[in-house]
PDB file of N, CA and C in Angstrom:
ATOM      1  N   MET A   1       1.104  -0.666   0.255  1.00  0.00           N
ATOM      2  CA  MET A   1      -0.267  -0.019   0.069  1.00  0.00           C
ATOM      3  C   MET A   1       1.683   1.332   0.064  1.00  0.00           C
ATOM      4  N   THR A   2       0.169   1.984  -0.808  1.00  0.00           N
ATOM      5  CA  THR A   2       0.921   3.596  -1.013  1.00  0.00           C
ATOM      6  C   THR A   2       1.407   4.433  -0.247  1.00  0.00           C
ATOM      7  N   GLU A   3       1.979   5.599   0.513  1.00  0.00           N
ATOM      8  CA  GLU A   3       1.135   6.179   1.681  1.00  0.00           C
ATOM      9  C   GLU A   3      -0.125   7.504   0.734  1.00  0.00           C
ATOM     10  N   ASP A   4      -0.299   7.930   0.053  1.00  0.00           N
ATOM     11  CA  ASP A   4      -1.615   8.437  -0.607  1.00  0.00           C
ATOM     12  C   ASP A   4      -2.334   7.144  -0.409  1.00  0.00           C
ATOM     13  N   GLU A   5      -2.328   5.821  -0.694  1.00  0.00           N
ATOM     14  CA  GLU A   5      -3.395   5.147  -0.330  1.00  0.00           C
ATOM     15  C   GLU A   5      -4.184   4.527   0.583  1.00  0.00           C
ATOM     16  N   PHE A   6      -2.840   4.764   1.975  1.00  0.00           N
ATOM     17  CA  PHE A   6      -2.734   4.548   3.155  1.00  0.00           C
ATOM     18  C   PHE A   6      -3.795   5.503   4.418  1.00  0.00           C
ATOM     19  N   LYS A   7      -2.744   6.857   3.947  1.00  0.00           N
ATOM     20  CA  LYS A   7      -3.966   8.247   3.556  1.00  0.00           C
ATOM     21  C   LYS A   7      -5.226   7.984   3.566  1.00  0.00           C
ATOM     22  N   GLU A   8      -5.935   7.907   2.642  1.00  0.00           N
ATOM     23  CA  GLU A   8      -6.643   7.377   1.740  1.00  0.00           C
ATOM     24  C   GLU A   8      -7.586   7.073   2.440  1.00  0.00           C
ATOM     25  N   LYS A   9      -7.370   5.730   3.140  1.00  0.00           N
ATOM     26  CA  LYS A   9      -8.125   4.419   3.398  1.00  0.00           C
ATOM     27  C   LYS A   9      -8.729   5.132   5.563  1.00  0.00           C
ATOM     28  N   LEU A  10      -6.674   5.437   5.729  1.00  0.00           N
ATOM     29  CA  LEU A  10      -7.127   6.393   7.223  1.00  0.00           C
ATOM     30  C   LEU A  10      -8.238   7.131   6.729  1.00  0.00           C
ATOM     31  N   GLY A  11      -8.409   8.366   6.297  1.00  0.00           N
ATOM     32  CA  GLY A  11      -9.284   8.784   6.886  1.00  0.00           C
ATOM     33  C   GLY A  11     -10.590   9.162   5.887  1.00  0.00           C
ATOM     34  N   GLN A  12     -11.244   7.732   4.902  1.00  0.00           N
ATOM     35  CA  GLN A  12     -12.023   7.344   5.368  1.00  0.00           C
ATOM     36  C   GLN A  12     -12.752   6.951   6.632  1.00  0.00           C
ATOM     37  N   LYS A  13     -11.768   5.595   7.109  1.00  0.00           N
ATOM     38  CA  LYS A  13     -11.883   5.690   8.306  1.00  0.00           C
ATOM     39  C   LYS A  13     -12.843   6.299   9.549  1.00  0.00           C
ATOM     40  N   ILE A  14     -12.124   7.537   9.543  1.00  0.00           N
ATOM     41  CA  ILE A  14     -11.939   8.426  10.808  1.00  0.00           C
ATOM     42  C   ILE A  14     -13.397   8.920  10.204  1.00  0.00           C
ATOM     43  N   HIS A  15     -13.620   8.999   9.089  1.00  0.00           N
ATOM     44  CA  HIS A  15     -14.868   9.729   9.092  1.00  0.00           C
ATOM     45  C   HIS A  15     -15.984   9.480   8.832  1.00  0.00           C
ATOM     46  N   GLU A  16     -15.671   8.391   8.538  1.00  0.00           N
ATOM     47  CA  GLU A  16     -16.396   6.816   8.562  1.00  0.00           C
ATOM     48  C   GLU A  16     -17.397   6.557  10.414  1.00  0.00           C
ATOM     49  N   LEU A  17     -16.271   6.923  11.218  1.00  0.00           N
ATOM     50  CA  LEU A  17     -16.313   6.978  12.885  1.00  0.00           C
ATOM     51  C   LEU A  17     -17.383   8.243  13.162  1.00  0.00           C
ATOM     52  N   ARG A  18     -16.156   8.620  12.532  1.00  0.00           N
ATOM     53  CA  ARG A  18     -16.671  10.192  13.313  1.00  0.00           C
ATOM     54  C   ARG A  18     -18.116  10.229  13.265  1.00  0.00           C
ATOM     55  N   LYS A  19     -19.204   9.899  11.784  1.00  0.00           N
ATOM     56  CA  LYS A  19     -20.013  10.206  11.372  1.00  0.00           C
ATOM     57  C   LYS A  19     -21.041   8.918  12.010  1.00  0.00           C
ATOM     58  N   GLU A  20     -20.811   7.930  12.640  1.00  0.00           N
ATOM     59  CA  GLU A  20     -21.023   7.078  12.975  1.00  0.00           C
ATOM     60  C   GLU A  20     -21.802   7.096  14.257  1.00  0.00           C
ATOM     61  N   ARG A  21     -20.251   8.029  15.313  1.00  0.00           N
ATOM     62  CA  ARG A  21     -21.132   8.400  16.997  1.00  0.00           C
ATOM     63  C   ARG A  21     -21.312   9.939  16.466  1.00  0.00           C
ATOM     64  N   ASP A  22     -21.895  10.631  15.218  1.00  0.00           N
ATOM     65  CA  ASP A  22     -22.737  11.423  14.973  1.00  0.00           C
ATOM     66  C   ASP A  22     -22.113  12.649  16.391  1.00  0.00           C
ATOM     67  N   LEU A  23     -20.129  12.733  15.280  1.00  0.00           N
ATOM     68  CA  LEU A  23     -19.732  14.087  16.138  1.00  0.00           C
ATOM     69  C   LEU A  23     -19.959  14.528  14.717  1.00  0.00           C
ATOM     70  N   THR A  24     -19.621  16.449  14.652  1.00  0.00           N
ATOM     71  CA  THR A  24     -18.910  16.695  13.920  1.00  0.00           C
ATOM     72  C   THR A  24     -17.688  17.416  13.129  1.00  0.00           C
ATOM     73  N   LEU A  25     -16.946  18.166  12.738  1.00  0.00           N
ATOM     74  CA  LEU A  25     -15.442  18.379  13.201  1.00  0.00           C
ATOM     75  C   LEU A  25     -15.038  18.506  13.679  1.00  0.00           C
ATOM     76  N   TYR A  26     -16.003  19.636  14.672  1.00  0.00           N
ATOM     77  CA  TYR A  26     -16.111  20.485  14.849  1.00  0.00           C
ATOM     78  C   TYR A  26     -15.864  19.685  16.841  1.00  0.00           C
ATOM     79  N   GLN A  27     -16.124  19.419  16.802  1.00  0.00           N
ATOM     80  CA  GLN A  27     -16.326  18.281  18.067  1.00  0.00           C
ATOM     81  C   GLN A  27     -15.340  17.360  18.150  1.00  0.00           C
ATOM     82  N   LEU A  28     -15.338  16.629  17.120  1.00  0.00           N
ATOM     83  CA  LEU A  28     -13.454  15.671  17.554  1.00  0.00           C
ATOM     84  C   LEU A  28     -12.298  16.469  17.025  1.00  0.00           C
ATOM     85  N   ALA A  29     -12.972  17.895  16.533  1.00  0.00           N
ATOM     86  CA  ALA A  29     -11.483  18.329  16.825  1.00  0.00           C
ATOM     87  C   ALA A  29     -11.296  19.441  18.370  1.00  0.00           C
ATOM     88  N   LEU A  30     -12.316  19.473  18.891  1.00  0.00           N
ATOM     89  CA  LEU A  30     -12.424  19.741  20.398  1.00  0.00           C
ATOM     90  C   LEU A  30     -11.948  18.671  21.448  1.00  0.00           C
ATOM     91  N   LYS A  31     -12.258  17.261  21.242  1.00  0.00           N
ATOM     92  CA  LYS A  31     -11.820  16.368  21.775  1.00  0.00           C
ATOM     93  C   LYS A  31     -10.217  15.577  21.865  1.00  0.00           C
ATOM     94  N   THR A  32      -9.951  16.104  20.574  1.00  0.00           N
ATOM     95  CA  THR A  32      -8.745  16.069  20.211  1.00  0.00           C
ATOM     96  C   THR A  32      -7.316  17.208  20.481  1.00  0.00           C
ATOM     97  N   GLN A  33      -7.718  18.092  20.596  1.00  0.00           N
ATOM     98  CA  GLN A  33      -7.402  19.650  21.162  1.00  0.00           C
ATOM     99  C   GLN A  33      -6.724  20.207  19.482  1.00  0.00           C
ATOM    100  N   ALA A  34      -7.450  19.366  18.378  1.00  0.00           N
ATOM    101  CA  ALA A  34      -6.459  19.489  17.495  1.00  0.00           C
ATOM    102  C   ALA A  34      -8.015  20.469  16.532  1.00  0.00           C
ATOM    103  N   HIS A  35      -6.910  21.983  15.691  1.00  0.00           N
ATOM    104  CA  HIS A  35      -8.035  21.969  14.610  1.00  0.00           C
ATOM    105  C   HIS A  35      -8.631  21.481  13.636  1.00  0.00           C
ATOM    106  N   LYS A  36     -10.185  22.037  13.302  1.00  0.00           N
ATOM    107  CA  LYS A  36     -11.290  21.382  12.786  1.00  0.00           C
ATOM    108  C   LYS A  36     -10.558  21.799  11.575  1.00  0.00           C
ATOM    109  N   SER A  37      -9.867  22.936  10.664  1.00  0.00           N
ATOM    110  CA  SER A  37      -9.325  22.165   9.584  1.00  0.00           C
ATOM    111  C   SER A  37      -8.214  20.685   9.093  1.00  0.00           C
ATOM    112  N   THR A  38      -7.492  21.020  10.728  1.00  0.00           N
ATOM    113  CA  THR A  38      -7.219  19.512  10.182  1.00  0.00           C
ATOM    114  C   THR A  38      -7.738  17.565  10.263  1.00  0.00           C
ATOM    115  N   ILE A  39      -8.515  17.947  11.088  1.00  0.00           N
ATOM    116  CA  ILE A  39      -9.225  16.844  11.102  1.00  0.00           C
ATOM    117  C   ILE A  39      -9.478  16.724  10.206  1.00  0.00           C
ATOM    118  N   MET A  40     -10.277  17.932   9.769  1.00  0.00           N
ATOM    119  CA  MET A  40     -11.010  18.065   7.919  1.00  0.00           C
ATOM    120  C   MET A  40      -9.791  17.145   7.080  1.00  0.00           C
ATOM    121  N   ARG A  41      -9.099  17.806   7.380  1.00  0.00           N
ATOM    122  CA  ARG A  41      -7.210  17.762   6.229  1.00  0.00           C
ATOM    123  C   ARG A  41      -7.197  16.260   5.866  1.00  0.00           C
ATOM    124  N   ILE A  42      -7.479  15.547   7.186  1.00  0.00           N
ATOM    125  CA  ILE A  42      -6.434  14.528   7.516  1.00  0.00           C
ATOM    126  C   ILE A  42      -8.229  13.901   6.679  1.00  0.00           C
ATOM    127  N   GLU A  43      -9.556  13.441   6.391  1.00  0.00           N
ATOM    128  CA  GLU A  43     -10.611  13.256   6.417  1.00  0.00           C
ATOM    129  C   GLU A  43     -10.035  13.002   4.867  1.00  0.00           C
ATOM    130  N   ARG A  44      -9.525  14.242   4.137  1.00  0.00           N
ATOM    131  CA  ARG A  44      -9.905  13.971   2.687  1.00  0.00           C
ATOM    132  C   ARG A  44      -8.309  13.790   2.239  1.00  0.00           C
ATOM    133  N   ALA A  45      -7.494  13.308   3.173  1.00  0.00           N
ATOM    134  CA  ALA A  45      -5.495  12.384   2.996  1.00  0.00           C
ATOM    135  C   ALA A  45      -5.044  13.773   2.101  1.00  0.00           C
ATOM    136  N   GLU A  46      -5.330  14.903   3.180  1.00  0.00           N
ATOM    137  CA  GLU A  46      -4.309  15.808   2.206  1.00  0.00           C
ATOM    138  C   GLU A  46      -3.613  15.963   3.026  1.00  0.00           C
ATOM    139  N   VAL A  47      -3.933  15.347   4.925  1.00  0.00           N
ATOM    140  CA  VAL A  47      -2.204  15.490   5.620  1.00  0.00           C
ATOM    141  C   VAL A  47      -2.524  13.701   5.920  1.00  0.00           C
ATOM    142  N   SER A  48      -0.725  13.538   6.652  1.00  0.00           N
ATOM    143  CA  SER A  48      -1.234  12.387   7.480  1.00  0.00           C
ATOM    144  C   SER A  48      -0.939  13.108   9.349  1.00  0.00           C
ATOM    145  N   PRO A  49      -1.915  12.482   9.450  1.00  0.00           N
ATOM    146  CA  PRO A  49      -1.764  12.823  11.677  1.00  0.00           C
ATOM    147  C   PRO A  49       0.108  12.132  12.322  1.00  0.00           C
ATOM    148  N   SER A  50       0.090  12.362  12.825  1.00  0.00           N
ATOM    149  CA  SER A  50       0.929  13.079  13.564  1.00  0.00           C
ATOM    150  C   SER A  50       1.139  11.367  14.557  1.00  0.00           C
ATOM    151  N   ALA A  51       2.002  10.033  15.955  1.00  0.00           N
ATOM    152  CA  ALA A  51       1.634   9.156  15.794  1.00  0.00           C
ATOM    153  C   ALA A  51       0.478   9.936  17.330  1.00  0.00           C
ATOM    154  N   ASN A  52       1.031  11.139  17.745  1.00  0.00           N
ATOM    155  CA  ASN A  52      -0.120  11.653  19.138  1.00  0.00           C
ATOM    156  C   ASN A  52      -1.464  12.353  18.527  1.00  0.00           C
ATOM    157  N   LEU A  53      -1.085  13.167  17.473  1.00  0.00           N
ATOM    158  CA  LEU A  53      -2.663  12.972  17.434  1.00  0.00           C
ATOM    159  C   LEU A  53      -3.563  12.235  16.207  1.00  0.00           C
ATOM    160  N   LEU A  54      -2.813  10.782  16.040  1.00  0.00           N
ATOM    161  CA  LEU A  54      -3.254   9.837  15.710  1.00  0.00           C
ATOM    162  C   LEU A  54      -3.931   8.525  17.553  1.00  0.00           C
ATOM    163  N   ARG A  55      -3.407   8.488  17.990  1.00  0.00           N
ATOM    164  CA  ARG A  55      -3.565   8.401  19.382  1.00  0.00           C
ATOM    165  C   ARG A  55      -4.865   9.191  19.697  1.00  0.00           C
ATOM    166  N   ARG A  56      -4.243  10.203  19.783  1.00  0.00           N
ATOM    167  CA  ARG A  56      -5.927  11.372  20.221  1.00  0.00           C
ATOM    168  C   ARG A  56      -7.002  11.734  19.885  1.00  0.00           C
ATOM    169  N   ILE A  57      -6.933  11.162  18.422  1.00  0.00           N
ATOM    170  CA  ILE A  57      -8.794  10.871  17.986  1.00  0.00           C
ATOM    171  C   ILE A  57      -9.384   8.871  18.139  1.00  0.00           C
ATOM    172  N   ALA A  58      -8.096   8.621  18.369  1.00  0.00           N
ATOM    173  CA  ALA A  58      -8.648   6.862  18.392  1.00  0.00           C
ATOM    174  C   ALA A  58      -9.360   7.011  19.552  1.00  0.00           C
ATOM    175  N   ARG A  59      -8.595   7.341  20.664  1.00  0.00           N
ATOM    176  CA  ARG A  59      -9.134   8.016  21.947  1.00  0.00           C
ATOM    177  C   ARG A  59     -10.420   8.328  21.622  1.00  0.00           C
ATOM    178  N   ALA A  60     -10.701   9.663  21.175  1.00  0.00           N
ATOM    179  CA  ALA A  60     -11.736  10.367  20.841  1.00  0.00           C
ATOM    180  C   ALA A  60     -13.046   9.526  20.170  1.00  0.00           C
ATOM    181  N   LEU A  61     -12.817   8.508  19.593  1.00  0.00           N
ATOM    182  CA  LEU A  61     -13.369   8.110  18.987  1.00  0.00           C
ATOM    183  C   LEU A  61     -14.200   6.758  19.120  1.00  0.00           C
ATOM    184  N   GLU A  62     -13.255   6.599  20.780  1.00  0.00           N
ATOM    185  CA  GLU A  62     -13.734   5.102  21.193  1.00  0.00           C
ATOM    186  C   GLU A  62     -13.319   4.075  20.840  1.00  0.00           C
ATOM    187  N   VAL A  63     -11.407   4.476  19.896  1.00  0.00           N
ATOM    188  CA  VAL A  63     -11.803   2.558  19.165  1.00  0.00           C
ATOM    189  C   VAL A  63      -9.826   2.553  19.221  1.00  0.00           C
ATOM    190  N   PRO A  64      -9.582   1.278  19.643  1.00  0.00           N
ATOM    191  CA  PRO A  64      -8.029   1.270  19.651  1.00  0.00           C
ATOM    192  C   PRO A  64      -7.269   1.910  18.609  1.00  0.00           C
ATOM    193  N   MET A  65      -6.469   2.128  18.594  1.00  0.00           N
ATOM    194  CA  MET A  65      -5.751   2.857  17.545  1.00  0.00           C
ATOM    195  C   MET A  65      -5.218   1.668  16.820  1.00  0.00           C
ATOM    196  N   VAL A  66      -5.122   1.038  16.934  1.00  0.00           N
ATOM    197  CA  VAL A  66      -5.149   0.359  15.421  1.00  0.00           C
ATOM    198  C   VAL A  66      -5.937  -0.609  14.651  1.00  0.00           C
ATOM    199  N   ASP A  67      -7.255   0.113  15.127  1.00  0.00           N
ATOM    200  CA  ASP A  67      -8.564  -0.463  14.493  1.00  0.00           C
ATOM    201  C   ASP A  67      -8.638   0.968  13.146  1.00  0.00           C
ATOM    202  N   LEU A  68      -8.042   2.152  13.535  1.00  0.00           N
ATOM    203  CA  LEU A  68      -7.250   3.438  12.753  1.00  0.00           C
ATOM    204  C   LEU A  68      -6.476   2.250  11.749  1.00  0.00           C
ATOM    205  N   VAL A  69      -5.518   1.847  11.688  1.00  0.00           N
ATOM    206  CA  VAL A  69      -4.175   1.716  11.129  1.00  0.00           C
ATOM    207  C   VAL A  69      -3.955   0.536  10.280  1.00  0.00           C
ATOM    208  N   GLY A  70      -5.016  -0.521  11.378  1.00  0.00           N
ATOM    209  CA  GLY A  70      -3.950  -1.748  10.910  1.00  0.00           C
ATOM    210  C   GLY A  70      -5.328  -2.080   9.929  1.00  0.00           C
ATOM    211  N   MET A  71      -4.822  -1.805   8.188  1.00  0.00           N
ATOM    212  CA  MET A  71      -5.332  -2.399   7.529  1.00  0.00           C
ATOM    213  C   MET A  71      -5.432  -2.670   7.412  1.00  0.00           C
ATOM    214  N   GLU A  72      -6.086  -3.351   5.891  1.00  0.00           N
ATOM    215  CA  GLU A  72      -5.611  -4.728   5.004  1.00  0.00           C
ATOM    216  C   GLU A  72      -4.650  -3.965   3.426  1.00  0.00           C
TER     217      GLU A  72
END
């Protein structure tokens, strides 16, 4: 899997989980102490989150971090 493919799948997964939990971009940003535009850019596969931010996103979405990055 290329880096771009990874970013795309990660962004999709975060977006899906955020929607399942009925969270807005703003609410997820507050929970992760990140800027709303950062979350949006991750979901759009424009940037890769740092390991620290990825951990905070997983915690905010109440999933193990491996569920976000453990893709086939």
